[in-house]
Amino acid sequence: MERRKRHAVAAPDSLHSRAKRGAAAVLAGKSLRDATLELGVPKQHIHYYVKKWKGTDFANVVDLSSPSATSAGHGSSSSQGGSAGSASSAPSFSLDLPAEFDTWSTFERKKHVLKLACMLVHKEGVSVRRAAHSVNMHFAGNDLVPKVSRTGVRNYVCLKEWSPKALGRKTVLPPEFDRALIDWINARRALHFPVFKEDVLAAANLMIRSSGLGAGAEEKMLAEVNRGWYYRFLGRNASLIGTANQRPLEVDRARWSTAKNVGEWYKMVAEILVGLNLAHWNADFDPCAPIGVRASEMIIITKPDRLISFDETRVELDMTKASKERKARTIIDKTADKSTAAESLAFKGGLQGTGVGGSTASGRALPALFIFQGQSIQPRWLSQSPDCDFYDEHGKMRQCYFLCNKKGGVLDDVGVAYLRDVILPCFGDVSAENPLAIVCDGHGSHLTLPLIEFCRAHHIHVILRVPHTTHLTQGEDVSNFARFKPELRRQKLSCLFKNSRAALSALARRTSWRL
């Protein structure tokens, strides 16, 4: 009994007490080596408590000046209460977002939120976990503010800088070399030029030769850098640059897709919609307001069902072309021959077509129109239809329409047929007081004289987009077609399975599964 008592009442300056103080000092920013030398404790003892307390609130309630503070452990209720009180009180600085926050990139937004969390840690004395949670809860209602993790906050706190840098192998090249190379990369990317690994290595070696850094080879300076340095360079600057699959941007798109062109187009559309009584000016409009609030909208659309947007997409029934989409990648058997491991059954044929789809500003999908190539297909043979949000007078969903022509595309006469047979039946009360506004691209079938005369006779107003900017000003590619094309691929595979029933039955017998 006496022995247990002596163990329970340990000396204030015991080995465990000093190890706890050392761990608290390490969590506060001191290096493990300095804490070990100062307190005379083996580093594995300090590392044990660092690993145990890391990310918890206990590191904030330890009094480093008192040797007996750590012996109290988690039972120091007064210290915990003080920490909780400081964390729950209002911060001494503002958590408001700057006016230009909505124009920043995702990385810049997350960087700013991490700054705010670090200020809570440094100025308010809260834990890393609580700082991350408080910031995430404070901006929970704003979708533009990215959430931060306690690991990201801890990296900012430990580095004592606002820009986290990966710790790793030191380079003999000065930090200014990396910064100059990053500026060169960013300058090329600002012009949308690709930057490959070989370009970075060539630019780095040219900078070394031009600056004379490779002259002192006897001083272990680099004469040139290699592929290993390139990957370490990416690791050191992972917070500033990265790699991604390139998406080719047409030169015409880059020339037309400027803020001035698109901004003037939006102003023109706003004036047209207000003139057609489909919208009214927003009295609370503020051009500096963040995106997502009512004050950021120039106009308020009062009749969103009367504003229509549509576009065309290519439809192929041929499955023999190799697909490079990541979603279309298939699992292979690595034990099979590599040359045939990725071969898959597919339909062969040259049948192509065009699909026309769109939606209203309220989000209602319009009936689709499909034009197939050739004269041998009769539209009445095609009965299945993608769903839409418009119904006839009997409450039945409107079906899509099918046409055939020589090219399988949108020719001059297709535009009038689409408006007459697909669009107008969905809106029976089109008049001068209640017109329709259609937003589309400048395809030749949208500018024919018969179509213009038809639109004038039926109170339809056509608004053309800025040339070569449909990837920015239309949503069909990310809403309608993004759902339709994967479903079309699944339906083609379903038909393939039905036609390959014998092979599937043999597979079922081999695997004892019933189909």
Protein backbone atom coordinates (compact mmCIF):
# COMPACT_ATOMS: atom_id res chain seq x y z
CA MET A 1 0.00 0.00 0.00
CA GLU A 2 2.82 2.35 0.89
CA ARG A 3 4.58 1.58 -2.39
CA ARG A 4 1.47 2.44 -4.45
CA LYS A 5 1.13 5.72 -2.56
CA ARG A 6 4.68 6.69 -3.28
CA HIS A 7 4.07 6.03 -6.98
CA ALA A 8 0.89 8.10 -7.00
CA VAL A 9 2.54 11.13 -5.39
CA ALA A 10 5.45 11.51 -7.77
CA ALA A 11 7.95 14.29 -7.39
CA PRO A 12 7.00 17.44 -9.33
CA ASP A 13 10.26 17.35 -11.28
CA SER A 14 10.21 13.67 -12.16
CA LEU A 15 11.21 12.24 -15.54
CA HIS A 16 7.61 12.03 -16.75
CA SER A 17 6.92 15.57 -15.58
CA ARG A 18 9.88 16.91 -17.53
CA ALA A 19 8.91 14.85 -20.58
CA LYS A 20 5.44 16.38 -20.49
CA ARG A 21 6.89 19.88 -20.22
CA GLY A 22 9.19 19.14 -23.13
CA ALA A 23 6.30 17.85 -25.24
CA ALA A 24 4.29 20.98 -24.47
CA ALA A 25 7.27 23.11 -25.50
CA VAL A 26 7.60 21.21 -28.79
CA LEU A 27 3.90 21.70 -29.51
CA ALA A 28 4.36 25.40 -28.79
CA GLY A 29 7.06 25.68 -31.48
CA LYS A 30 10.35 24.63 -29.88
CA SER A 31 12.46 22.04 -31.66
CA LEU A 32 12.71 18.52 -30.24
CA ARG A 33 16.48 18.78 -29.94
CA ASP A 34 16.35 21.99 -27.89
CA ALA A 35 13.72 20.60 -25.55
CA THR A 36 15.75 17.42 -25.02
CA LEU A 37 18.97 19.30 -24.19
CA GLU A 38 17.23 21.81 -21.92
CA LEU A 39 15.31 19.32 -19.79
CA GLY A 40 17.68 16.35 -19.96
CA VAL A 41 14.98 13.94 -21.09
CA PRO A 42 15.39 11.22 -23.73
CA LYS A 43 13.77 12.35 -26.95
CA GLN A 44 11.62 9.22 -27.23
CA HIS A 45 9.85 10.23 -23.97
CA ILE A 46 9.05 13.69 -25.33
CA HIS A 47 8.04 12.27 -28.71
CA TYR A 48 5.57 9.94 -26.95
CA TYR A 49 3.62 12.83 -25.41
CA VAL A 50 3.90 14.95 -28.59
CA LYS A 51 2.28 12.16 -30.58
CA LYS A 52 -0.33 11.67 -27.84
CA TRP A 53 -1.31 15.34 -27.51
CA LYS A 54 -0.92 16.47 -31.10
CA GLY A 55 -4.20 17.90 -32.40
CA THR A 56 -5.88 17.97 -28.96
CA ASP A 57 -6.78 20.87 -26.67
CA PHE A 58 -4.45 19.73 -23.90
CA ALA A 59 -1.39 21.38 -25.46
CA ASN A 60 -3.02 24.81 -24.92
CA VAL A 61 -3.68 24.38 -21.18
CA VAL A 62 -0.15 23.33 -20.16
CA ASP A 63 1.73 25.97 -18.18
CA LEU A 64 5.31 25.77 -19.39
CA SER A 65 6.66 27.88 -16.57
CA SER A 66 5.37 25.57 -13.82
CA PRO A 67 6.97 22.14 -13.46
CA SER A 68 3.95 20.82 -11.60
CA ALA A 69 1.47 21.91 -14.24
CA THR A 70 2.04 18.87 -16.41
CA SER A 71 1.70 16.48 -13.50
CA ALA A 72 -1.94 17.48 -13.15
CA GLY A 73 -2.61 16.08 -16.64
CA HIS A 74 -6.14 16.40 -17.96
CA GLY A 75 -7.52 17.06 -14.54
CA SER A 76 -6.61 20.74 -14.54
CA SER A 77 -10.18 21.96 -14.77
CA SER A 78 -9.41 25.60 -14.15
CA SER A 79 -6.94 25.77 -17.03
CA GLN A 80 -9.34 23.99 -19.32
CA GLY A 81 -12.09 26.36 -18.43
CA GLY A 82 -9.86 29.32 -19.19
CA SER A 83 -8.96 27.90 -22.58
CA ALA A 84 -12.54 27.17 -23.45
CA GLY A 85 -13.54 30.64 -22.44
CA SER A 86 -10.91 32.26 -24.62
CA ALA A 87 -11.91 30.09 -27.57
CA SER A 88 -15.59 30.82 -27.22
CA SER A 89 -15.19 34.59 -26.85
CA ALA A 90 -15.28 36.86 -29.89
CA PRO A 91 -11.92 37.23 -31.64
CA SER A 92 -10.01 40.49 -31.40
CA PHE A 93 -9.84 40.79 -35.21
CA SER A 94 -12.36 40.69 -38.05
CA LEU A 95 -13.34 37.46 -39.80
CA ASP A 96 -14.96 39.29 -42.71
CA LEU A 97 -13.99 38.40 -46.27
CA PRO A 98 -12.51 41.03 -48.61
CA ALA A 99 -14.65 42.40 -51.45
CA GLU A 100 -12.51 40.74 -54.13
CA PHE A 101 -12.77 37.29 -52.50
CA ASP A 102 -15.13 35.95 -55.20
CA THR A 103 -12.60 36.78 -57.93
CA TRP A 104 -9.80 34.74 -56.33
CA SER A 105 -8.84 31.23 -57.31
CA THR A 106 -9.72 28.27 -55.10
CA PHE A 107 -6.16 28.11 -53.76
CA GLU A 108 -6.14 31.82 -52.87
CA ARG A 109 -9.48 31.46 -51.07
CA LYS A 110 -8.28 28.50 -49.03
CA LYS A 111 -5.05 30.32 -48.26
CA HIS A 112 -7.00 33.28 -46.85
CA VAL A 113 -9.21 31.05 -44.70
CA LEU A 114 -6.12 29.30 -43.34
CA LYS A 115 -4.72 32.73 -42.42
CA LEU A 116 -7.82 33.46 -40.37
CA ALA A 117 -7.53 30.11 -38.58
CA CYS A 118 -3.86 30.77 -37.83
CA MET A 119 -4.78 34.15 -36.34
CA LEU A 120 -7.18 32.38 -34.00
CA VAL A 121 -4.34 30.13 -32.88
CA HIS A 122 -1.73 32.88 -32.49
CA LYS A 123 -3.84 35.76 -31.15
CA GLU A 124 -6.67 33.98 -29.31
CA GLY A 125 -4.72 30.98 -28.05
CA VAL A 126 -7.19 28.35 -29.24
CA SER A 127 -6.19 24.89 -30.37
CA VAL A 128 -5.60 23.98 -33.99
CA ARG A 129 -8.61 21.67 -34.00
CA ARG A 130 -10.92 24.33 -32.55
CA ALA A 131 -9.59 27.03 -34.90
CA ALA A 132 -10.34 24.90 -37.98
CA HIS A 133 -13.81 24.03 -36.64
CA SER A 134 -14.62 27.65 -35.74
CA VAL A 135 -13.67 28.99 -39.17
CA ASN A 136 -15.61 26.26 -40.98
CA MET A 137 -18.72 26.94 -38.88
CA HIS A 138 -18.39 30.72 -39.31
CA PHE A 139 -18.44 30.45 -43.13
CA ALA A 140 -20.79 27.44 -43.36
CA GLY A 141 -23.42 29.47 -45.20
CA ASN A 142 -21.07 30.68 -47.95
CA ASP A 143 -20.45 28.11 -50.68
CA LEU A 144 -17.46 30.07 -52.03
CA VAL A 145 -15.44 29.57 -48.84
CA PRO A 146 -13.59 26.23 -48.89
CA LYS A 147 -13.39 24.17 -45.72
CA VAL A 148 -10.03 23.75 -44.02
CA SER A 149 -8.65 20.81 -42.08
CA ARG A 150 -6.68 20.91 -38.86
CA THR A 151 -3.70 19.46 -40.76
CA GLY A 152 -3.65 22.47 -43.07
CA VAL A 153 -3.95 24.89 -40.15
CA ARG A 154 -1.18 23.07 -38.27
CA ASN A 155 1.14 23.35 -41.28
CA TYR A 156 0.63 27.12 -41.38
CA VAL A 157 1.13 27.45 -37.61
CA CYS A 158 4.29 25.34 -37.50
CA LEU A 159 5.91 27.05 -40.49
CA LYS A 160 5.08 30.50 -39.06
CA GLU A 161 4.48 31.69 -42.62
CA TRP A 162 1.37 32.28 -44.69
CA SER A 163 2.58 30.09 -47.55
CA PRO A 164 3.14 26.42 -46.63
CA LYS A 165 6.20 24.85 -48.15
CA ALA A 166 6.92 21.16 -48.23
CA LEU A 167 9.87 20.16 -46.07
CA GLY A 168 12.32 17.91 -47.83
CA ARG A 169 15.80 17.57 -49.21
CA LYS A 170 17.70 20.85 -49.30
CA THR A 171 18.93 22.11 -52.65
CA VAL A 172 22.22 23.82 -53.32
CA LEU A 173 20.40 26.35 -55.47
CA PRO A 174 19.21 29.45 -53.60
CA PRO A 175 15.47 30.04 -52.88
CA GLU A 176 15.55 32.97 -55.31
CA PHE A 177 16.20 30.45 -58.10
CA ASP A 178 12.92 28.64 -57.39
CA ARG A 179 10.99 31.90 -57.21
CA ALA A 180 12.38 33.11 -60.54
CA LEU A 181 11.53 29.79 -62.20
CA ILE A 182 7.98 29.87 -60.77
CA ASP A 183 7.52 33.40 -62.14
CA TRP A 184 8.61 32.15 -65.57
CA ILE A 185 6.14 29.24 -65.39
CA ASN A 186 3.27 31.49 -64.27
CA ALA A 187 4.01 33.95 -67.07
CA ARG A 188 3.69 31.20 -69.67
CA ARG A 189 0.53 29.79 -68.06
CA ALA A 190 -1.03 33.27 -68.02
CA LEU A 191 -0.86 33.10 -71.82
CA HIS A 192 -2.29 29.52 -71.74
CA PHE A 193 0.94 28.06 -73.14
CA PRO A 194 1.72 24.48 -72.03
CA VAL A 195 4.71 23.96 -69.74
CA PHE A 196 6.14 20.45 -69.85
CA LYS A 197 8.85 18.82 -67.77
CA GLU A 198 11.44 19.23 -70.51
CA ASP A 199 10.63 22.97 -70.73
CA VAL A 200 11.21 23.43 -66.99
CA LEU A 201 14.51 21.53 -67.08
CA ALA A 202 15.72 23.50 -70.12
CA ALA A 203 14.76 26.83 -68.51
CA ALA A 204 16.41 25.88 -65.20
CA ASN A 205 19.66 24.81 -66.86
CA LEU A 206 19.70 28.01 -68.93
CA MET A 207 19.25 30.07 -65.76
CA ILE A 208 22.12 28.17 -64.10
CA ARG A 209 24.48 28.79 -67.04
CA SER A 210 23.51 32.44 -67.47
CA SER A 211 23.90 33.23 -63.75
CA GLY A 212 27.18 31.36 -63.31
CA LEU A 213 25.90 29.03 -60.61
CA GLY A 214 27.41 25.99 -62.31
CA ALA A 215 30.93 27.44 -62.50
CA GLY A 216 32.05 26.29 -59.06
CA ALA A 217 31.67 22.55 -59.52
CA GLU A 218 34.42 21.98 -56.95
CA GLU A 219 32.18 23.75 -54.43
CA LYS A 220 29.47 21.13 -55.03
CA MET A 221 27.37 23.53 -57.07
CA LEU A 222 25.20 21.99 -59.78
CA ALA A 223 26.29 22.19 -63.39
CA GLU A 224 22.77 21.24 -64.46
CA VAL A 225 19.58 19.81 -62.99
CA ASN A 226 17.95 16.50 -63.86
CA ARG A 227 14.61 14.77 -63.63
CA GLY A 228 15.01 14.04 -59.92
CA TRP A 229 15.49 17.74 -59.20
CA TYR A 230 12.34 18.47 -61.21
CA TYR A 231 10.16 16.29 -58.97
CA ARG A 232 11.78 17.71 -55.82
CA PHE A 233 11.12 21.19 -57.21
CA LEU A 234 7.43 20.32 -57.55
CA GLY A 235 7.40 18.93 -54.02
CA ARG A 236 8.99 22.04 -52.52
CA ASN A 237 6.49 24.32 -54.24
CA ALA A 238 3.41 22.11 -54.11
CA SER A 239 1.33 24.95 -52.67
CA LEU A 240 2.12 27.22 -55.64
CA ILE A 241 2.31 24.98 -58.71
CA GLY A 242 1.16 21.52 -59.70
CA THR A 243 0.52 19.32 -62.70
CA ALA A 244 -2.72 18.50 -64.53
CA ASN A 245 -3.93 17.04 -67.80
CA GLN A 246 -3.96 19.79 -70.39
CA ARG A 247 -7.22 20.83 -72.03
CA PRO A 248 -6.59 22.32 -75.48
CA LEU A 249 -8.05 25.79 -75.90
CA GLU A 250 -8.70 26.98 -79.44
CA VAL A 251 -6.95 30.19 -80.42
CA ASP A 252 -10.26 31.79 -81.47
CA ARG A 253 -11.77 30.97 -78.09
CA ALA A 254 -8.83 32.55 -76.30
CA ARG A 255 -9.14 35.73 -78.41
CA TRP A 256 -12.87 36.14 -77.91
CA SER A 257 -13.19 34.92 -74.30
CA THR A 258 -12.21 38.18 -72.64
CA ALA A 259 -13.86 39.86 -69.69
CA LYS A 260 -14.71 42.88 -71.84
CA ASN A 261 -16.51 40.87 -74.55
CA VAL A 262 -18.47 38.64 -72.18
CA GLY A 263 -19.25 41.54 -69.84
CA GLU A 264 -20.69 43.65 -72.64
CA TRP A 265 -22.75 40.67 -73.81
CA TYR A 266 -24.29 40.20 -70.35
CA LYS A 267 -25.20 43.88 -70.24
CA MET A 268 -26.86 43.58 -73.65
CA VAL A 269 -28.84 40.51 -72.54
CA ALA A 270 -29.96 42.33 -69.39
CA GLU A 271 -31.28 45.28 -71.41
CA ILE A 272 -33.13 42.97 -73.82
CA LEU A 273 -34.80 40.95 -71.04
CA VAL A 274 -35.89 44.13 -69.24
CA GLY A 275 -37.27 45.52 -72.52
CA LEU A 276 -39.27 42.31 -73.08
CA ASN A 277 -40.75 42.51 -69.55
CA LEU A 278 -39.09 39.21 -68.64
CA ALA A 279 -36.97 40.88 -65.94
CA HIS A 280 -36.55 44.16 -64.07
CA TRP A 281 -33.53 46.08 -62.84
CA ASN A 282 -32.27 45.23 -59.34
CA ALA A 283 -32.41 48.38 -57.21
CA ASP A 284 -29.95 46.85 -54.72
CA PHE A 285 -27.35 45.96 -57.37
CA ASP A 286 -23.77 46.45 -56.21
CA PRO A 287 -20.98 45.50 -58.67
CA CYS A 288 -18.62 44.93 -55.72
CA ALA A 289 -20.97 42.52 -53.90
CA PRO A 290 -19.78 38.89 -53.61
CA ILE A 291 -21.25 36.36 -56.02
CA GLY A 292 -24.18 34.45 -54.58
CA VAL A 293 -26.01 37.28 -52.85
CA ARG A 294 -28.96 39.19 -54.29
CA ALA A 295 -27.00 42.45 -54.56
CA SER A 296 -24.60 40.86 -57.07
CA GLU A 297 -27.40 40.37 -59.67
CA MET A 298 -27.84 43.18 -62.18
CA ILE A 299 -31.43 42.15 -63.01
CA ILE A 300 -34.10 40.00 -61.41
CA ILE A 301 -35.63 37.57 -63.94
CA THR A 302 -39.36 37.52 -63.24
CA LYS A 303 -40.32 35.02 -65.97
CA PRO A 304 -37.54 32.42 -66.06
CA ASP A 305 -39.74 29.94 -67.97
CA ARG A 306 -39.78 32.32 -70.94
CA LEU A 307 -35.97 32.39 -71.27
CA ILE A 308 -34.61 29.39 -73.21
CA SER A 309 -31.11 28.18 -73.99
CA PHE A 310 -30.25 25.29 -76.33
CA ASP A 311 -27.27 23.81 -78.13
CA GLU A 312 -26.32 20.83 -80.32
CA THR A 313 -24.10 17.84 -79.62
CA ARG A 314 -22.78 14.99 -81.76
CA VAL A 315 -24.37 11.57 -81.27
CA GLU A 316 -22.58 8.43 -82.46
CA LEU A 317 -24.00 4.92 -82.44
CA ASP A 318 -20.63 3.55 -83.51
CA MET A 319 -18.64 2.11 -80.57
CA THR A 320 -15.40 1.18 -82.35
CA LYS A 321 -13.55 4.37 -81.49
CA ALA A 322 -11.22 4.22 -78.51
CA SER A 323 -12.48 6.31 -75.60
CA LYS A 324 -10.02 8.45 -73.64
CA GLU A 325 -12.55 9.51 -71.00
CA ARG A 326 -11.60 8.57 -67.47
CA LYS A 327 -15.18 7.58 -66.71
CA ALA A 328 -15.11 5.14 -69.64
CA ARG A 329 -11.99 3.29 -68.50
CA THR A 330 -12.41 -0.44 -68.02
CA ILE A 331 -10.79 -2.90 -65.63
CA ILE A 332 -8.43 -5.37 -67.29
CA ASP A 333 -6.87 -8.69 -66.38
CA LYS A 334 -3.11 -8.14 -66.01
CA THR A 335 -2.45 -11.88 -66.33
CA ALA A 336 -3.72 -11.79 -69.94
CA ASP A 337 -1.69 -10.73 -72.93
CA LYS A 338 -1.05 -6.98 -72.74
CA SER A 339 -1.76 -6.45 -76.45
CA THR A 340 -5.33 -7.76 -76.11
CA ALA A 341 -6.06 -7.04 -72.43
CA ALA A 342 -8.08 -3.90 -73.16
CA GLU A 343 -10.05 -5.20 -76.15
CA SER A 344 -13.83 -4.88 -75.68
CA LEU A 345 -16.86 -5.86 -77.72
CA ALA A 346 -18.41 -2.95 -79.61
CA PHE A 347 -20.94 -2.19 -82.34
CA LYS A 348 -19.45 -1.26 -85.69
CA GLY A 349 -21.20 1.12 -88.04
CA GLY A 350 -21.05 4.60 -89.46
CA LEU A 351 -24.40 5.85 -88.20
CA GLN A 352 -24.03 9.32 -86.76
CA GLY A 353 -26.40 12.05 -85.76
CA THR A 354 -26.95 15.27 -83.85
CA GLY A 355 -28.89 15.85 -80.66
CA VAL A 356 -30.44 19.20 -79.81
CA GLY A 357 -31.26 19.86 -76.17
CA GLY A 358 -31.80 22.75 -73.85
CA SER A 359 -33.60 24.09 -70.81
CA THR A 360 -35.29 27.18 -69.45
CA ALA A 361 -33.75 29.61 -66.99
CA SER A 362 -35.86 27.96 -64.27
CA GLY A 363 -34.10 24.64 -64.90
CA ARG A 364 -36.85 22.81 -66.82
CA ALA A 365 -35.51 20.48 -69.50
CA LEU A 366 -36.94 20.92 -73.01
CA PRO A 367 -37.89 17.98 -75.26
CA ALA A 368 -34.96 16.80 -77.35
CA LEU A 369 -34.58 16.65 -81.12
CA PHE A 370 -32.40 14.02 -82.84
CA ILE A 371 -31.31 14.16 -86.48
CA PHE A 372 -29.85 10.93 -87.90
CA GLN A 373 -27.73 10.46 -90.99
CA GLY A 374 -29.26 8.74 -94.01
CA GLN A 375 -32.74 8.27 -95.43
CA SER A 376 -33.26 4.61 -94.47
CA ILE A 377 -34.37 5.29 -90.87
CA GLN A 378 -37.97 6.21 -90.36
CA PRO A 379 -38.60 8.49 -87.36
CA ARG A 380 -41.76 6.58 -86.46
CA TRP A 381 -39.62 3.53 -85.68
CA LEU A 382 -37.93 5.37 -82.81
CA SER A 383 -40.27 5.51 -79.83
CA GLN A 384 -38.09 5.77 -76.70
CA SER A 385 -37.37 9.29 -75.56
CA PRO A 386 -35.30 11.04 -72.88
CA ASP A 387 -37.35 12.59 -70.12
CA CYS A 388 -38.26 16.28 -70.10
CA ASP A 389 -40.20 18.66 -67.82
CA PHE A 390 -43.03 19.58 -70.19
CA TYR A 391 -46.41 17.81 -70.51
CA ASP A 392 -49.27 18.04 -72.98
CA GLU A 393 -52.90 18.92 -72.25
CA HIS A 394 -53.59 15.31 -71.21
CA GLY A 395 -50.81 15.30 -68.61
CA LYS A 396 -48.53 13.05 -70.70
CA MET A 397 -44.84 13.82 -70.96
CA ARG A 398 -43.89 15.27 -74.33
CA GLN A 399 -41.74 12.97 -76.43
CA CYS A 400 -38.64 13.97 -78.33
CA TYR A 401 -38.67 14.37 -82.13
CA PHE A 402 -36.63 12.52 -84.76
CA LEU A 403 -35.54 13.69 -88.19
CA CYS A 404 -33.30 12.29 -90.93
CA ASN A 405 -31.16 14.05 -93.51
CA LYS A 406 -28.09 13.40 -95.59
CA LYS A 407 -25.53 14.80 -93.14
CA GLY A 408 -27.21 13.92 -89.87
CA GLY A 409 -26.73 17.49 -88.68
CA VAL A 410 -28.59 20.74 -88.13
CA LEU A 411 -29.23 22.07 -91.65
CA ASP A 412 -31.02 25.28 -92.64
CA ASP A 413 -34.54 23.85 -92.46
CA VAL A 414 -34.01 22.15 -89.09
CA GLY A 415 -34.10 25.40 -87.12
CA VAL A 416 -37.68 26.21 -88.12
CA ALA A 417 -38.76 22.60 -87.51
CA TYR A 418 -37.25 22.65 -84.02
CA LEU A 419 -39.03 25.87 -83.04
CA ARG A 420 -42.34 24.86 -84.65
CA ASP A 421 -42.56 21.22 -83.54
CA VAL A 422 -40.59 21.17 -80.27
CA ILE A 423 -40.43 24.62 -78.64
CA LEU A 424 -43.76 26.30 -79.38
CA PRO A 425 -45.99 23.35 -78.29
CA CYS A 426 -44.47 23.71 -74.82
CA PHE A 427 -45.52 27.38 -74.62
CA GLY A 428 -49.06 27.83 -75.86
CA ASP A 429 -49.58 31.49 -74.87
CA VAL A 430 -46.77 33.23 -76.78
CA SER A 431 -47.77 36.80 -77.64
CA ALA A 432 -46.32 40.30 -77.88
CA GLU A 433 -47.03 40.86 -74.18
CA ASN A 434 -45.65 37.43 -73.22
CA PRO A 435 -42.82 36.67 -75.70
CA LEU A 436 -40.08 34.03 -75.72
CA ALA A 437 -36.34 34.77 -75.59
CA ILE A 438 -33.97 32.14 -76.97
CA VAL A 439 -30.22 32.20 -76.31
CA CYS A 440 -28.15 30.19 -78.80
CA ASP A 441 -24.88 30.25 -80.71
CA GLY A 442 -24.32 31.70 -84.17
CA HIS A 443 -24.71 28.47 -86.13
CA GLY A 444 -25.82 28.95 -89.73
CA SER A 445 -29.21 27.28 -89.13
CA HIS A 446 -30.00 29.93 -86.49
CA LEU A 447 -29.60 32.85 -88.89
CA THR A 448 -31.60 31.82 -91.96
CA LEU A 449 -34.25 34.16 -93.37
CA PRO A 450 -37.12 31.62 -92.93
CA LEU A 451 -36.20 31.22 -89.27
CA ILE A 452 -36.04 34.99 -88.68
CA GLU A 453 -39.43 35.47 -90.34
CA PHE A 454 -40.89 32.61 -88.29
CA CYS A 455 -39.57 34.15 -85.05
CA ARG A 456 -41.04 37.57 -85.91
CA ALA A 457 -44.45 36.05 -86.67
CA HIS A 458 -44.53 34.11 -83.39
CA HIS A 459 -42.97 36.71 -81.03
CA ILE A 460 -39.71 34.82 -80.50
CA HIS A 461 -36.56 36.86 -79.86
CA VAL A 462 -33.19 35.21 -80.65
CA ILE A 463 -30.14 36.34 -78.65
CA LEU A 464 -26.81 35.15 -80.06
CA ARG A 465 -23.86 34.43 -77.83
CA VAL A 466 -20.42 35.96 -78.25
CA PRO A 467 -18.57 33.95 -80.93
CA HIS A 468 -16.38 31.11 -79.65
CA THR A 469 -17.53 31.52 -76.02
CA THR A 470 -20.10 28.74 -75.68
CA HIS A 471 -17.77 26.97 -73.21
CA LEU A 472 -18.35 29.92 -70.86
CA THR A 473 -21.88 31.19 -71.57
CA GLN A 474 -23.97 28.01 -71.97
CA GLY A 475 -24.79 25.27 -69.50
CA GLU A 476 -25.91 22.46 -71.77
CA ASP A 477 -22.49 20.77 -71.70
CA VAL A 478 -22.49 20.58 -67.89
CA SER A 479 -26.20 19.87 -67.31
CA ASN A 480 -28.13 18.30 -70.22
CA PHE A 481 -25.41 16.63 -72.27
CA ALA A 482 -23.33 15.68 -69.21
CA ARG A 483 -26.23 13.44 -68.13
CA PHE A 484 -27.37 12.32 -71.58
CA LYS A 485 -24.08 11.04 -73.01
CA PRO A 486 -23.16 8.67 -70.13
CA GLU A 487 -26.71 7.30 -70.22
CA LEU A 488 -26.46 6.80 -73.99
CA ARG A 489 -23.22 4.87 -73.47
CA ARG A 490 -24.92 2.65 -70.87
CA GLN A 491 -27.86 2.00 -73.18
CA LYS A 492 -25.54 0.98 -76.01
CA LEU A 493 -23.79 -1.44 -73.66
CA SER A 494 -27.17 -2.83 -72.58
CA CYS A 495 -28.08 -3.56 -76.19
CA LEU A 496 -24.65 -5.15 -76.66
CA PHE A 497 -25.27 -7.46 -73.70
CA LYS A 498 -28.64 -8.53 -75.10
CA ASN A 499 -27.08 -9.36 -78.47
CA SER A 500 -24.30 -11.31 -76.75
CA ARG A 501 -26.61 -13.47 -74.68
CA ALA A 502 -24.85 -16.73 -75.56
CA ALA A 503 -21.49 -15.50 -74.28
CA LEU A 504 -23.11 -14.21 -71.09
CA SER A 505 -24.88 -17.52 -70.53
CA ALA A 506 -21.58 -19.39 -70.84
CA LEU A 507 -20.04 -16.98 -68.35
CA ALA A 508 -22.97 -17.55 -65.98
CA ARG A 509 -22.51 -21.31 -66.12
CA ARG A 510 -18.83 -20.96 -65.40
CA THR A 511 -19.31 -18.63 -62.41
CA SER A 512 -22.52 -20.27 -61.11
CA TRP A 513 -24.42 -16.97 -61.41
CA ARG A 514 -27.89 -16.68 -62.87
CA LEU A 515 -28.64 -13.89 -65.29
